[in-house]
Amino acid sequence: TVRFTRALKDKVAYEDRTGVIEALWDVALADGVRDAHEDALIRLAAKLLGVNDVDSAVARQRVEARRT
């Protein structure tokens, strides 16, 4: 996981990395339930990709808005 995310972080623009986090939130919230384990995994992925907490939260909010 660390090697993969490092490669992405080095080669992919920040905006696109936030898109990856948004896609992860889309999968995690597909069942309509927020799970602590999924949250923790996405927080870890965001950190490894260099996506800050605010942008990760905004990505989650965009996904939640599409689902309502």
C-alpha atoms as a PDB file:
ATOM      1  CA  THR A   1       0.000   0.000   0.000  1.00  0.00           C
ATOM      2  CA  VAL A   2       2.771   2.455   0.879  1.00  0.00           C
ATOM      3  CA  ARG A   3       4.675   1.857  -2.373  1.00  0.00           C
ATOM      4  CA  PHE A   4       1.517   2.153  -4.442  1.00  0.00           C
ATOM      5  CA  THR A   5       0.358   5.370  -2.777  1.00  0.00           C
ATOM      6  CA  ARG A   6       3.876   6.846  -2.947  1.00  0.00           C
ATOM      7  CA  ALA A   7       3.952   6.201  -6.696  1.00  0.00           C
ATOM      8  CA  LEU A   8       0.572   7.901  -7.073  1.00  0.00           C
ATOM      9  CA  LYS A   9       1.595  10.804  -4.856  1.00  0.00           C
ATOM     10  CA  ASP A  10       4.765  11.348  -6.903  1.00  0.00           C
ATOM     11  CA  LYS A  11       3.128  11.142 -10.333  1.00  0.00           C
ATOM     12  CA  VAL A  12      -0.506  12.257  -9.960  1.00  0.00           C
ATOM     13  CA  ALA A  13      -1.707  15.832  -9.482  1.00  0.00           C
ATOM     14  CA  TYR A  14      -3.252  16.713  -6.118  1.00  0.00           C
ATOM     15  CA  GLU A  15      -6.704  17.292  -7.635  1.00  0.00           C
ATOM     16  CA  ASP A  16      -6.667  13.817  -9.134  1.00  0.00           C
ATOM     17  CA  ARG A  17      -5.583  12.300  -5.818  1.00  0.00           C
ATOM     18  CA  THR A  18      -8.567  13.973  -4.155  1.00  0.00           C
ATOM     19  CA  GLY A  19     -10.619  12.302  -6.874  1.00  0.00           C
ATOM     20  CA  VAL A  20      -9.243   8.939  -5.737  1.00  0.00           C
ATOM     21  CA  ILE A  21     -10.346   9.724  -2.185  1.00  0.00           C
ATOM     22  CA  GLU A  22     -13.784  10.730  -3.460  1.00  0.00           C
ATOM     23  CA  ALA A  23     -14.034   7.410  -5.299  1.00  0.00           C
ATOM     24  CA  LEU A  24     -13.097   5.579  -2.097  1.00  0.00           C
ATOM     25  CA  TRP A  25     -15.832   7.462  -0.220  1.00  0.00           C
ATOM     26  CA  ASP A  26     -18.255   6.536  -3.002  1.00  0.00           C
ATOM     27  CA  VAL A  27     -17.508   2.842  -2.483  1.00  0.00           C
ATOM     28  CA  ALA A  28     -17.521   3.094   1.320  1.00  0.00           C
ATOM     29  CA  LEU A  29     -20.884   4.846   1.371  1.00  0.00           C
ATOM     30  CA  ALA A  30     -22.506   2.687  -1.320  1.00  0.00           C
ATOM     31  CA  ASP A  31     -24.421   0.715   1.300  1.00  0.00           C
ATOM     32  CA  GLY A  32     -25.690   3.892   2.954  1.00  0.00           C
ATOM     33  CA  VAL A  33     -23.852   3.149   6.213  1.00  0.00           C
ATOM     34  CA  ARG A  34     -20.778   4.921   7.576  1.00  0.00           C
ATOM     35  CA  ASP A  35     -18.444   2.366   9.081  1.00  0.00           C
ATOM     36  CA  ALA A  36     -15.580   3.269  11.429  1.00  0.00           C
ATOM     37  CA  HIS A  37     -13.234   0.769   9.778  1.00  0.00           C
ATOM     38  CA  GLU A  38     -13.906   2.191   6.318  1.00  0.00           C
ATOM     39  CA  ASP A  39     -13.431   5.729   7.667  1.00  0.00           C
ATOM     40  CA  ALA A  40     -10.068   4.733   9.157  1.00  0.00           C
ATOM     41  CA  LEU A  41      -8.934   3.110   5.923  1.00  0.00           C
ATOM     42  CA  ILE A  42      -9.847   6.179   3.882  1.00  0.00           C
ATOM     43  CA  ARG A  43      -8.125   8.469   6.383  1.00  0.00           C
ATOM     44  CA  LEU A  44      -4.983   6.341   6.034  1.00  0.00           C
ATOM     45  CA  ALA A  45      -5.193   6.367   2.234  1.00  0.00           C
ATOM     46  CA  ALA A  46      -5.692  10.143   2.233  1.00  0.00           C
ATOM     47  CA  LYS A  47      -2.673  10.622   4.472  1.00  0.00           C
ATOM     48  CA  LEU A  48      -0.507   8.368   2.326  1.00  0.00           C
ATOM     49  CA  LEU A  49      -1.670  10.197  -0.818  1.00  0.00           C
ATOM     50  CA  GLY A  50      -0.966  13.582   0.757  1.00  0.00           C
ATOM     51  CA  VAL A  51      -4.626  14.636   0.728  1.00  0.00           C
ATOM     52  CA  ASN A  52      -5.445  16.780   3.743  1.00  0.00           C
ATOM     53  CA  ASP A  53      -8.351  16.113   6.108  1.00  0.00           C
ATOM     54  CA  VAL A  54     -10.369  19.083   4.885  1.00  0.00           C
ATOM     55  CA  ASP A  55     -10.235  17.985   1.245  1.00  0.00           C
ATOM     56  CA  SER A  56     -11.073  14.418   2.224  1.00  0.00           C
ATOM     57  CA  ALA A  57     -14.097  15.674   4.183  1.00  0.00           C
ATOM     58  CA  VAL A  58     -15.207  17.795   1.220  1.00  0.00           C
ATOM     59  CA  ALA A  59     -14.911  14.735  -1.031  1.00  0.00           C
ATOM     60  CA  ARG A  60     -17.070  12.745   1.415  1.00  0.00           C
ATOM     61  CA  GLN A  61     -19.631  15.542   1.536  1.00  0.00           C
ATOM     62  CA  ARG A  62     -19.847  15.603  -2.272  1.00  0.00           C
ATOM     63  CA  VAL A  63     -20.527  11.865  -2.280  1.00  0.00           C
ATOM     64  CA  GLU A  64     -23.117  12.173   0.478  1.00  0.00           C
ATOM     65  CA  ALA A  65     -24.845  15.015  -1.392  1.00  0.00           C
ATOM     66  CA  ARG A  66     -25.129  12.857  -4.525  1.00  0.00           C
ATOM     67  CA  ARG A  67     -26.713  10.070  -2.492  1.00  0.00           C
ATOM     68  CA  THR A  68     -29.521  12.160  -0.973  1.00  0.00           C
END
